[in-house]
Amino acid sequence: MAQQAEDLYFQMYGLTARPPKALNKALQHAIESMHRTLYAPSSGELTVSELALLKQAAVDVNDHHDREDPMLAHATEFGAILATSLSATQAAKRLRGITPVRVRQMIRAGTLYAIRIEGRWKIPIFQFDKKGLIPNIGGVNAAVPRTLDAVSMLRWYTTPDPELETSSDHALSPLDWLKAGRDPTPVIKIAHDL
């Protein structure tokens, strides 16, 4: 029962559940691949006059250990993306009838989103459904700025957007909009504005 709930959680985000050992290895790799950031208590990094100025401006400089660490959340999501990503060969098999060379051409053209890690392409699985690529996702991917990192890309694709409302005033995420076979034009417009 717990395994089914875990599998469902990953599927909601377009991911495939992996055993904890594989996920931990991917998380370790993700953390090592990220830019190094030193953490210290925020108030310990500031001078007395800087602290006074910030307090005067009502800036909260206290540490909040009860809040989620954004770096940890980002690293965890990045690790999950890496753990479930496909290689060019795996993507070609999933797309049936195309070669790994064609997959790499799609990556270079920007119609297939991928991350380059240690000289190899990692293709996030959220772009695929059971039949292959999600309809019209290539055009949307091409419109997304290439500077968008994998976590931001996944979050954008899976977060409901008020500009993508159905006739019943229900906002869909860009990914759900495309999966439903709707006109990709509004999603492409939003992607251009990212």
N, C-alpha and C. Protein backbone atom coordinates (compact mmCIF):
# COMPACT_ATOMS: atom_id res chain seq x y z
N MET A 1 0.83 -1.19 0.00
CA MET A 1 0.00 0.00 0.00
C MET A 1 0.87 1.25 0.00
N ALA A 2 1.91 1.28 0.85
CA ALA A 2 2.80 2.44 0.91
C ALA A 2 3.54 2.61 -0.41
N GLN A 3 3.94 1.48 -1.02
CA GLN A 3 4.65 1.54 -2.30
C GLN A 3 3.75 2.12 -3.39
N GLN A 4 2.47 1.76 -3.38
CA GLN A 4 1.53 2.28 -4.37
C GLN A 4 1.37 3.80 -4.20
N ALA A 5 1.30 4.26 -2.95
CA ALA A 5 1.17 5.70 -2.69
C ALA A 5 2.41 6.43 -3.18
N GLU A 6 3.59 5.82 -2.93
CA GLU A 6 4.84 6.44 -3.38
C GLU A 6 4.89 6.48 -4.91
N ASP A 7 4.51 5.39 -5.57
CA ASP A 7 4.49 5.36 -7.03
C ASP A 7 3.54 6.42 -7.57
N LEU A 8 2.37 6.56 -6.95
CA LEU A 8 1.39 7.55 -7.38
C LEU A 8 1.94 8.97 -7.24
N TYR A 9 2.64 9.23 -6.13
CA TYR A 9 3.24 10.56 -5.91
C TYR A 9 4.18 10.92 -7.06
N PHE A 10 5.07 10.01 -7.42
CA PHE A 10 6.00 10.29 -8.51
C PHE A 10 5.27 10.44 -9.85
N GLN A 11 4.25 9.61 -10.08
CA GLN A 11 3.49 9.68 -11.33
C GLN A 11 2.78 11.02 -11.48
N MET A 12 2.33 11.61 -10.36
CA MET A 12 1.66 12.92 -10.42
C MET A 12 2.58 13.98 -11.02
N TYR A 13 3.88 13.80 -10.84
CA TYR A 13 4.85 14.75 -11.37
C TYR A 13 5.51 14.26 -12.65
N GLY A 14 4.94 13.23 -13.25
CA GLY A 14 5.47 12.73 -14.51
C GLY A 14 6.75 11.94 -14.34
N LEU A 15 6.97 11.40 -13.13
CA LEU A 15 8.20 10.67 -12.84
C LEU A 15 7.89 9.20 -12.60
N THR A 16 8.90 8.37 -12.64
CA THR A 16 8.78 6.96 -12.33
C THR A 16 9.49 6.71 -11.01
N ALA A 17 8.83 6.00 -10.11
CA ALA A 17 9.44 5.71 -8.81
C ALA A 17 10.66 4.82 -9.00
N ARG A 18 11.69 5.08 -8.25
CA ARG A 18 12.91 4.27 -8.29
C ARG A 18 13.18 3.76 -6.87
N PRO A 19 13.93 2.67 -6.74
CA PRO A 19 14.28 2.19 -5.40
C PRO A 19 15.10 3.25 -4.67
N PRO A 20 14.99 3.29 -3.32
CA PRO A 20 15.70 4.31 -2.55
C PRO A 20 17.20 4.37 -2.85
N LYS A 21 17.83 3.23 -3.09
CA LYS A 21 19.27 3.23 -3.36
C LYS A 21 19.58 4.03 -4.63
N ALA A 22 18.79 3.85 -5.68
CA ALA A 22 19.01 4.58 -6.94
C ALA A 22 18.71 6.06 -6.74
N LEU A 23 17.66 6.37 -5.98
CA LEU A 23 17.31 7.77 -5.73
C LEU A 23 18.40 8.45 -4.90
N ASN A 24 18.90 7.76 -3.89
CA ASN A 24 19.97 8.34 -3.06
C ASN A 24 21.22 8.60 -3.90
N LYS A 25 21.56 7.67 -4.78
CA LYS A 25 22.73 7.85 -5.64
C LYS A 25 22.52 9.05 -6.56
N ALA A 26 21.32 9.17 -7.12
CA ALA A 26 21.01 10.31 -8.00
C ALA A 26 21.02 11.62 -7.23
N LEU A 27 20.52 11.59 -5.99
CA LEU A 27 20.53 12.80 -5.16
C LEU A 27 21.96 13.22 -4.85
N GLN A 28 22.80 12.26 -4.51
CA GLN A 28 24.20 12.57 -4.25
C GLN A 28 24.85 13.18 -5.50
N HIS A 29 24.57 12.60 -6.66
CA HIS A 29 25.11 13.11 -7.91
C HIS A 29 24.59 14.53 -8.19
N ALA A 30 23.30 14.74 -7.92
CA ALA A 30 22.70 16.07 -8.15
C ALA A 30 23.35 17.11 -7.26
N ILE A 31 23.54 16.78 -6.01
CA ILE A 31 24.15 17.74 -5.08
C ILE A 31 25.57 18.05 -5.50
N GLU A 32 26.31 17.03 -5.92
CA GLU A 32 27.69 17.25 -6.34
C GLU A 32 27.76 18.04 -7.65
N SER A 33 26.70 17.98 -8.48
CA SER A 33 26.69 18.68 -9.76
C SER A 33 26.27 20.14 -9.63
N MET A 34 25.66 20.48 -8.50
CA MET A 34 25.18 21.85 -8.31
C MET A 34 26.34 22.77 -7.93
N HIS A 35 26.12 24.05 -8.14
CA HIS A 35 27.10 25.04 -7.71
C HIS A 35 27.24 24.98 -6.20
N ARG A 36 28.44 25.13 -5.74
CA ARG A 36 28.68 25.09 -4.29
C ARG A 36 28.17 26.37 -3.63
N THR A 37 27.45 26.22 -2.54
CA THR A 37 26.95 27.34 -1.78
C THR A 37 27.27 27.09 -0.32
N LEU A 38 27.81 28.07 0.34
CA LEU A 38 28.11 27.95 1.76
C LEU A 38 26.94 28.51 2.55
N TYR A 39 26.49 27.74 3.51
CA TYR A 39 25.42 28.20 4.37
C TYR A 39 25.99 28.59 5.72
N ALA A 40 25.50 29.64 6.25
CA ALA A 40 25.84 30.08 7.60
C ALA A 40 24.61 30.80 8.12
N PRO A 41 24.50 30.96 9.43
CA PRO A 41 23.37 31.73 9.94
C PRO A 41 23.37 33.12 9.31
N SER A 42 22.21 33.55 8.83
CA SER A 42 22.15 34.82 8.11
C SER A 42 22.65 35.99 8.94
N SER A 43 22.33 35.99 10.21
CA SER A 43 22.77 37.12 11.04
C SER A 43 24.27 37.07 11.28
N GLY A 44 24.90 35.92 11.20
CA GLY A 44 26.34 35.79 11.41
C GLY A 44 27.16 36.29 10.24
N GLU A 45 26.53 36.48 9.09
CA GLU A 45 27.24 36.94 7.90
C GLU A 45 27.21 38.45 7.74
N LEU A 46 26.46 39.13 8.61
CA LEU A 46 26.27 40.57 8.47
C LEU A 46 26.97 41.33 9.58
N THR A 47 27.35 42.56 9.27
CA THR A 47 27.95 43.43 10.29
C THR A 47 26.83 43.99 11.16
N VAL A 48 27.20 44.56 12.28
CA VAL A 48 26.23 45.14 13.21
C VAL A 48 25.44 46.25 12.51
N SER A 49 26.11 47.09 11.75
CA SER A 49 25.40 48.18 11.05
C SER A 49 24.48 47.64 9.96
N GLU A 50 24.89 46.58 9.26
CA GLU A 50 24.02 45.98 8.25
C GLU A 50 22.77 45.39 8.90
N LEU A 51 22.96 44.70 10.04
CA LEU A 51 21.83 44.12 10.77
C LEU A 51 20.86 45.21 11.22
N ALA A 52 21.41 46.31 11.74
CA ALA A 52 20.56 47.41 12.21
C ALA A 52 19.75 48.01 11.06
N LEU A 53 20.40 48.19 9.92
CA LEU A 53 19.72 48.75 8.75
C LEU A 53 18.60 47.82 8.28
N LEU A 54 18.87 46.52 8.23
CA LEU A 54 17.86 45.56 7.80
C LEU A 54 16.69 45.49 8.79
N LYS A 55 17.00 45.51 10.06
CA LYS A 55 15.92 45.48 11.08
C LYS A 55 15.07 46.74 10.99
N GLN A 56 15.70 47.87 10.73
CA GLN A 56 14.98 49.14 10.57
C GLN A 56 14.03 49.05 9.36
N ALA A 57 14.44 48.32 8.34
CA ALA A 57 13.60 48.15 7.15
C ALA A 57 12.62 46.99 7.31
N ALA A 58 12.54 46.41 8.51
CA ALA A 58 11.63 45.31 8.84
C ALA A 58 11.94 44.03 8.09
N VAL A 59 13.23 43.81 7.78
CA VAL A 59 13.65 42.57 7.14
C VAL A 59 13.91 41.53 8.22
N ASP A 60 13.36 40.35 8.05
CA ASP A 60 13.55 39.26 9.01
C ASP A 60 14.88 38.58 8.72
N VAL A 61 15.83 38.73 9.60
CA VAL A 61 17.16 38.12 9.42
C VAL A 61 17.35 36.90 10.32
N ASN A 62 16.30 36.50 11.01
CA ASN A 62 16.39 35.34 11.90
C ASN A 62 16.37 34.06 11.09
N ASP A 63 17.04 33.05 11.60
CA ASP A 63 17.01 31.74 10.97
C ASP A 63 15.70 31.05 11.35
N HIS A 64 15.12 30.36 10.40
CA HIS A 64 13.86 29.65 10.62
C HIS A 64 14.06 28.19 10.29
N HIS A 65 14.47 27.45 11.29
CA HIS A 65 14.76 26.03 11.07
C HIS A 65 13.49 25.21 10.83
N ASP A 66 12.34 25.80 11.14
CA ASP A 66 11.07 25.11 10.93
C ASP A 66 10.59 25.22 9.49
N ARG A 67 11.24 26.03 8.68
CA ARG A 67 10.85 26.21 7.28
C ARG A 67 11.66 25.29 6.38
N GLU A 68 11.06 24.97 5.25
CA GLU A 68 11.75 24.11 4.29
C GLU A 68 12.98 24.83 3.72
N ASP A 69 14.06 24.10 3.63
CA ASP A 69 15.29 24.64 3.05
C ASP A 69 15.15 24.60 1.54
N PRO A 70 15.12 25.77 0.87
CA PRO A 70 14.91 25.77 -0.57
C PRO A 70 16.02 25.06 -1.34
N MET A 71 17.25 25.11 -0.85
CA MET A 71 18.34 24.40 -1.54
C MET A 71 18.15 22.89 -1.45
N LEU A 72 17.71 22.42 -0.27
CA LEU A 72 17.47 20.98 -0.10
C LEU A 72 16.31 20.53 -0.98
N ALA A 73 15.24 21.32 -1.03
CA ALA A 73 14.09 20.97 -1.88
C ALA A 73 14.52 20.93 -3.35
N HIS A 74 15.30 21.91 -3.77
CA HIS A 74 15.76 21.97 -5.15
C HIS A 74 16.65 20.76 -5.46
N ALA A 75 17.59 20.46 -4.56
CA ALA A 75 18.49 19.33 -4.78
C ALA A 75 17.74 18.01 -4.83
N THR A 76 16.73 17.87 -3.98
CA THR A 76 15.94 16.64 -3.96
C THR A 76 15.17 16.47 -5.27
N GLU A 77 14.55 17.55 -5.73
CA GLU A 77 13.82 17.49 -7.00
C GLU A 77 14.77 17.22 -8.17
N PHE A 78 15.94 17.87 -8.14
CA PHE A 78 16.91 17.65 -9.20
C PHE A 78 17.38 16.20 -9.21
N GLY A 79 17.59 15.65 -8.02
CA GLY A 79 17.98 14.24 -7.92
C GLY A 79 16.93 13.31 -8.48
N ALA A 80 15.66 13.61 -8.20
CA ALA A 80 14.57 12.78 -8.73
C ALA A 80 14.49 12.89 -10.25
N ILE A 81 14.72 14.09 -10.77
CA ILE A 81 14.71 14.28 -12.23
C ILE A 81 15.83 13.46 -12.86
N LEU A 82 17.03 13.55 -12.28
CA LEU A 82 18.16 12.79 -12.83
C LEU A 82 17.93 11.29 -12.75
N ALA A 83 17.38 10.83 -11.62
CA ALA A 83 17.18 9.40 -11.42
C ALA A 83 16.18 8.81 -12.40
N THR A 84 15.26 9.62 -12.87
CA THR A 84 14.21 9.10 -13.75
C THR A 84 14.40 9.52 -15.20
N SER A 85 15.45 10.27 -15.49
CA SER A 85 15.70 10.73 -16.86
C SER A 85 16.13 9.58 -17.77
N LEU A 86 15.94 9.79 -19.05
CA LEU A 86 16.31 8.80 -20.06
C LEU A 86 17.59 9.22 -20.78
N SER A 87 18.32 8.25 -21.24
CA SER A 87 19.46 8.53 -22.12
C SER A 87 18.89 8.75 -23.53
N ALA A 88 19.73 9.20 -24.45
CA ALA A 88 19.29 9.39 -25.84
C ALA A 88 18.81 8.06 -26.43
N THR A 89 19.51 6.99 -26.11
CA THR A 89 19.12 5.66 -26.62
C THR A 89 17.78 5.23 -26.05
N GLN A 90 17.58 5.44 -24.74
CA GLN A 90 16.31 5.07 -24.12
C GLN A 90 15.16 5.90 -24.69
N ALA A 91 15.42 7.19 -24.90
CA ALA A 91 14.38 8.06 -25.46
C ALA A 91 14.03 7.63 -26.87
N ALA A 92 15.03 7.25 -27.67
CA ALA A 92 14.78 6.80 -29.04
C ALA A 92 13.89 5.55 -29.03
N LYS A 93 14.16 4.62 -28.13
CA LYS A 93 13.33 3.42 -28.03
C LYS A 93 11.91 3.77 -27.64
N ARG A 94 11.79 4.72 -26.72
CA ARG A 94 10.46 5.13 -26.26
C ARG A 94 9.68 5.85 -27.36
N LEU A 95 10.40 6.55 -28.22
CA LEU A 95 9.75 7.29 -29.31
C LEU A 95 9.51 6.43 -30.54
N ARG A 96 9.97 5.22 -30.55
CA ARG A 96 9.73 4.24 -31.61
C ARG A 96 9.96 4.80 -33.01
N GLY A 97 10.94 4.26 -33.66
CA GLY A 97 11.16 4.63 -35.05
C GLY A 97 12.14 5.77 -35.27
N ILE A 98 12.73 6.29 -34.20
CA ILE A 98 13.77 7.30 -34.42
C ILE A 98 15.06 6.80 -33.78
N THR A 99 16.15 7.37 -34.19
CA THR A 99 17.46 6.94 -33.71
C THR A 99 17.95 7.87 -32.60
N PRO A 100 18.95 7.41 -31.83
CA PRO A 100 19.55 8.29 -30.83
C PRO A 100 20.13 9.57 -31.45
N VAL A 101 20.61 9.48 -32.68
CA VAL A 101 21.13 10.67 -33.38
C VAL A 101 20.00 11.68 -33.55
N ARG A 102 18.82 11.22 -33.94
CA ARG A 102 17.67 12.11 -34.11
C ARG A 102 17.28 12.73 -32.77
N VAL A 103 17.35 11.96 -31.70
CA VAL A 103 17.04 12.48 -30.36
C VAL A 103 17.99 13.63 -30.02
N ARG A 104 19.28 13.44 -30.30
CA ARG A 104 20.26 14.50 -30.02
C ARG A 104 20.01 15.72 -30.90
N GLN A 105 19.54 15.52 -32.12
CA GLN A 105 19.18 16.65 -32.99
C GLN A 105 17.99 17.42 -32.39
N MET A 106 17.03 16.70 -31.85
CA MET A 106 15.88 17.34 -31.21
C MET A 106 16.34 18.15 -29.99
N ILE A 107 17.29 17.61 -29.25
CA ILE A 107 17.83 18.33 -28.09
C ILE A 107 18.49 19.62 -28.55
N ARG A 108 19.35 19.53 -29.57
CA ARG A 108 20.04 20.73 -30.08
C ARG A 108 19.05 21.76 -30.63
N ALA A 109 17.96 21.30 -31.23
CA ALA A 109 16.95 22.20 -31.77
C ALA A 109 16.08 22.81 -30.67
N GLY A 110 16.17 22.23 -29.47
CA GLY A 110 15.39 22.74 -28.35
C GLY A 110 13.98 22.18 -28.26
N THR A 111 13.64 21.22 -29.11
CA THR A 111 12.29 20.65 -29.06
C THR A 111 12.18 19.51 -28.05
N LEU A 112 13.31 19.02 -27.58
CA LEU A 112 13.34 18.02 -26.52
C LEU A 112 14.24 18.58 -25.43
N TYR A 113 13.69 18.75 -24.24
CA TYR A 113 14.45 19.33 -23.14
C TYR A 113 15.37 18.26 -22.55
N ALA A 114 16.63 18.62 -22.35
CA ALA A 114 17.60 17.68 -21.78
C ALA A 114 18.63 18.44 -20.96
N ILE A 115 19.28 17.71 -20.08
CA ILE A 115 20.33 18.25 -19.22
C ILE A 115 21.61 17.52 -19.58
N ARG A 116 22.69 18.24 -19.71
CA ARG A 116 23.97 17.60 -20.03
C ARG A 116 24.75 17.45 -18.72
N ILE A 117 25.01 16.20 -18.35
CA ILE A 117 25.75 15.87 -17.13
C ILE A 117 26.91 14.98 -17.54
N GLU A 118 28.12 15.44 -17.22
CA GLU A 118 29.34 14.68 -17.52
C GLU A 118 29.37 14.21 -18.98
N GLY A 119 28.99 15.09 -19.88
CA GLY A 119 29.07 14.79 -21.30
C GLY A 119 27.94 13.94 -21.85
N ARG A 120 26.98 13.58 -21.02
CA ARG A 120 25.87 12.74 -21.47
C ARG A 120 24.55 13.48 -21.28
N TRP A 121 23.63 13.24 -22.20
CA TRP A 121 22.32 13.87 -22.11
C TRP A 121 21.41 13.08 -21.19
N LYS A 122 20.71 13.80 -20.32
CA LYS A 122 19.68 13.24 -19.44
C LYS A 122 18.38 13.92 -19.87
N ILE A 123 17.43 13.13 -20.30
CA ILE A 123 16.17 13.66 -20.83
C ILE A 123 15.06 13.40 -19.81
N PRO A 124 14.57 14.46 -19.16
CA PRO A 124 13.52 14.28 -18.15
C PRO A 124 12.28 13.60 -18.72
N ILE A 125 11.79 12.66 -17.96
CA ILE A 125 10.71 11.79 -18.42
C ILE A 125 9.34 12.48 -18.44
N PHE A 126 9.21 13.64 -17.78
CA PHE A 126 7.89 14.29 -17.75
C PHE A 126 7.41 14.69 -19.14
N GLN A 127 8.30 14.70 -20.13
CA GLN A 127 7.93 15.07 -21.50
C GLN A 127 7.23 13.95 -22.27
N PHE A 128 7.19 12.77 -21.67
CA PHE A 128 6.68 11.58 -22.35
C PHE A 128 5.37 11.10 -21.73
N ASP A 129 4.55 10.47 -22.56
CA ASP A 129 3.41 9.71 -22.06
C ASP A 129 3.57 8.29 -22.61
N LYS A 130 2.57 7.47 -22.49
CA LYS A 130 2.69 6.07 -22.92
C LYS A 130 2.88 5.94 -24.43
N LYS A 131 2.43 6.93 -25.21
CA LYS A 131 2.51 6.86 -26.67
C LYS A 131 3.79 7.47 -27.22
N GLY A 132 4.52 8.19 -26.41
CA GLY A 132 5.72 8.89 -26.88
C GLY A 132 5.81 10.26 -26.25
N LEU A 133 6.12 11.27 -27.05
CA LEU A 133 6.16 12.63 -26.53
C LEU A 133 4.75 13.15 -26.31
N ILE A 134 4.58 13.96 -25.30
CA ILE A 134 3.29 14.61 -25.06
C ILE A 134 3.00 15.51 -26.26
N PRO A 135 1.78 15.51 -26.76
CA PRO A 135 1.45 16.30 -27.95
C PRO A 135 1.88 17.77 -27.81
N ASN A 136 2.55 18.25 -28.84
CA ASN A 136 2.97 19.65 -28.97
C ASN A 136 4.01 20.13 -27.96
N ILE A 137 4.58 19.22 -27.19
CA ILE A 137 5.56 19.66 -26.18
C ILE A 137 6.84 20.18 -26.85
N GLY A 138 7.14 19.71 -28.04
CA GLY A 138 8.34 20.18 -28.75
C GLY A 138 8.29 21.67 -29.03
N GLY A 139 7.14 22.16 -29.48
CA GLY A 139 6.99 23.58 -29.75
C GLY A 139 7.09 24.42 -28.49
N VAL A 140 6.56 23.88 -27.40
CA VAL A 140 6.64 24.60 -26.12
C VAL A 140 8.08 24.60 -25.63
N ASN A 141 8.74 23.45 -25.68
CA ASN A 141 10.14 23.38 -25.25
C ASN A 141 11.00 24.38 -26.02
N ALA A 142 10.75 24.51 -27.31
CA ALA A 142 11.54 25.43 -28.13
C ALA A 142 11.33 26.88 -27.72
N ALA A 143 10.18 27.18 -27.11
CA ALA A 143 9.87 28.55 -26.69
C ALA A 143 10.41 28.88 -25.29
N VAL A 144 10.70 27.86 -24.51
CA VAL A 144 11.21 28.08 -23.15
C VAL A 144 12.66 28.56 -23.23
N PRO A 145 13.02 29.59 -22.45
CA PRO A 145 14.42 30.04 -22.46
C PRO A 145 15.36 28.89 -22.08
N ARG A 146 16.44 28.77 -22.79
CA ARG A 146 17.38 27.67 -22.56
C ARG A 146 18.10 27.80 -21.22
N THR A 147 17.97 28.94 -20.59
CA THR A 147 18.63 29.15 -19.30
C THR A 147 17.84 28.57 -18.14
N LEU A 148 16.62 28.10 -18.39
CA LEU A 148 15.78 27.55 -17.32
C LEU A 148 16.34 26.20 -16.88
N ASP A 149 16.57 26.07 -15.58
CA ASP A 149 17.13 24.81 -15.07
C ASP A 149 16.04 23.74 -15.00
N ALA A 150 16.45 22.50 -14.80
CA ALA A 150 15.53 21.36 -14.85
C ALA A 150 14.43 21.43 -13.80
N VAL A 151 14.76 21.83 -12.59
CA VAL A 151 13.75 21.91 -11.53
C VAL A 151 12.74 23.00 -11.86
N SER A 152 13.22 24.16 -12.28
CA SER A 152 12.30 25.25 -12.65
C SER A 152 11.42 24.83 -13.83
N MET A 153 11.99 24.11 -14.76
CA MET A 153 11.24 23.62 -15.93
C MET A 153 10.12 22.69 -15.47
N LEU A 154 10.45 21.72 -14.63
CA LEU A 154 9.44 20.77 -14.16
C LEU A 154 8.37 21.50 -13.34
N ARG A 155 8.79 22.40 -12.45
CA ARG A 155 7.82 23.14 -11.64
C ARG A 155 6.89 23.96 -12.53
N TRP A 156 7.44 24.61 -13.56
CA TRP A 156 6.60 25.40 -14.45
C TRP A 156 5.60 24.52 -15.19
N TYR A 157 6.09 23.41 -15.71
CA TYR A 157 5.22 22.52 -16.46
C TYR A 157 4.11 21.92 -15.60
N THR A 158 4.33 21.76 -14.30
CA THR A 158 3.37 21.05 -13.45
C THR A 158 2.56 21.96 -12.53
N THR A 159 2.76 23.27 -12.61
CA THR A 159 2.02 24.20 -11.77
C THR A 159 0.84 24.80 -12.54
N PRO A 160 -0.38 24.72 -11.97
CA PRO A 160 -1.52 25.32 -12.66
C PRO A 160 -1.28 26.81 -12.94
N ASP A 161 -1.70 27.24 -14.12
CA ASP A 161 -1.50 28.63 -14.55
C ASP A 161 -2.87 29.24 -14.81
N PRO A 162 -3.16 30.40 -14.20
CA PRO A 162 -4.48 31.02 -14.39
C PRO A 162 -4.77 31.39 -15.84
N GLU A 163 -3.74 31.49 -16.67
CA GLU A 163 -3.96 31.79 -18.08
C GLU A 163 -4.40 30.56 -18.88
N LEU A 164 -4.35 29.41 -18.23
CA LEU A 164 -4.75 28.16 -18.90
C LEU A 164 -6.00 27.60 -18.23
N GLU A 165 -7.07 28.36 -18.29
CA GLU A 165 -8.32 27.95 -17.67
C GLU A 165 -9.20 27.18 -18.64
N THR A 166 -9.90 26.21 -18.09
CA THR A 166 -10.87 25.45 -18.88
C THR A 166 -12.19 26.22 -18.89
N SER A 167 -13.17 25.71 -19.60
CA SER A 167 -14.48 26.37 -19.64
C SER A 167 -15.15 26.39 -18.27
N SER A 168 -14.73 25.50 -17.37
CA SER A 168 -15.30 25.48 -16.01
C SER A 168 -14.45 26.28 -15.03
N ASP A 169 -13.65 27.22 -15.54
CA ASP A 169 -12.79 28.09 -14.71
C ASP A 169 -11.81 27.31 -13.84
N HIS A 170 -11.33 26.22 -14.35
CA HIS A 170 -10.35 25.40 -13.65
C HIS A 170 -9.00 25.60 -14.33
N ALA A 171 -8.02 26.10 -13.58
CA ALA A 171 -6.68 26.34 -14.16
C ALA A 171 -5.93 25.02 -14.29
N LEU A 172 -5.32 24.83 -15.45
CA LEU A 172 -4.51 23.64 -15.71
C LEU A 172 -3.04 24.02 -15.71
N SER A 173 -2.20 23.05 -15.45
CA SER A 173 -0.76 23.24 -15.62
C SER A 173 -0.47 23.16 -17.12
N PRO A 174 0.65 23.73 -17.57
CA PRO A 174 1.00 23.59 -18.99
C PRO A 174 1.03 22.13 -19.45
N LEU A 175 1.55 21.26 -18.59
CA LEU A 175 1.65 19.84 -18.96
C LEU A 175 0.25 19.22 -19.11
N ASP A 176 -0.65 19.50 -18.16
CA ASP A 176 -2.01 18.97 -18.25
C ASP A 176 -2.75 19.54 -19.46
N TRP A 177 -2.48 20.80 -19.77
CA TRP A 177 -3.09 21.45 -20.94
C TRP A 177 -2.71 20.70 -22.21
N LEU A 178 -1.40 20.40 -22.33
CA LEU A 178 -0.92 19.70 -23.51
C LEU A 178 -1.42 18.25 -23.55
N LYS A 179 -1.42 17.59 -22.39
CA LYS A 179 -1.90 16.20 -22.33
C LYS A 179 -3.36 16.08 -22.75
N ALA A 180 -4.13 17.14 -22.50
CA ALA A 180 -5.54 17.14 -22.86
C ALA A 180 -5.74 17.40 -24.35
N GLY A 181 -4.65 17.66 -25.08
CA GLY A 181 -4.74 17.88 -26.52
C GLY A 181 -5.24 19.27 -26.90
N ARG A 182 -5.13 20.21 -25.98
CA ARG A 182 -5.60 21.57 -26.25
C ARG A 182 -4.61 22.33 -27.14
N ASP A 183 -5.05 23.44 -27.69
CA ASP A 183 -4.23 24.29 -28.54
C ASP A 183 -2.98 24.74 -27.77
N PRO A 184 -1.78 24.47 -28.28
CA PRO A 184 -0.56 24.82 -27.55
C PRO A 184 -0.21 26.31 -27.58
N THR A 185 -0.90 27.10 -28.38
CA THR A 185 -0.54 28.51 -28.56
C THR A 185 -0.43 29.28 -27.24
N PRO A 186 -1.42 29.19 -26.31
CA PRO A 186 -1.27 29.95 -25.07
C PRO A 186 -0.09 29.46 -24.21
N VAL A 187 0.20 28.19 -24.25
CA VAL A 187 1.33 27.66 -23.49
C VAL A 187 2.64 28.18 -24.08
N ILE A 188 2.73 28.21 -25.41
CA ILE A 188 3.93 28.73 -26.07
C ILE A 188 4.12 30.20 -25.74
N LYS A 189 3.02 30.97 -25.69
CA LYS A 189 3.11 32.39 -25.34
C LYS A 189 3.64 32.55 -23.91
N ILE A 190 3.11 31.76 -22.98
CA ILE A 190 3.59 31.83 -21.59
C ILE A 190 5.07 31.45 -21.53
N ALA A 191 5.44 30.42 -22.27
CA ALA A 191 6.85 29.96 -22.28
C ALA A 191 7.78 31.05 -22.76
N HIS A 192 7.37 31.81 -23.76
CA HIS A 192 8.19 32.92 -24.28
C HIS A 192 8.43 33.98 -23.21
N ASP A 193 7.46 34.13 -22.30
CA ASP A 193 7.54 35.16 -21.27
C ASP A 193 8.26 34.73 -20.00
N LEU A 194 8.74 33.51 -19.96
CA LEU A 194 9.43 33.03 -18.75
C LEU A 194 10.75 33.75 -18.54
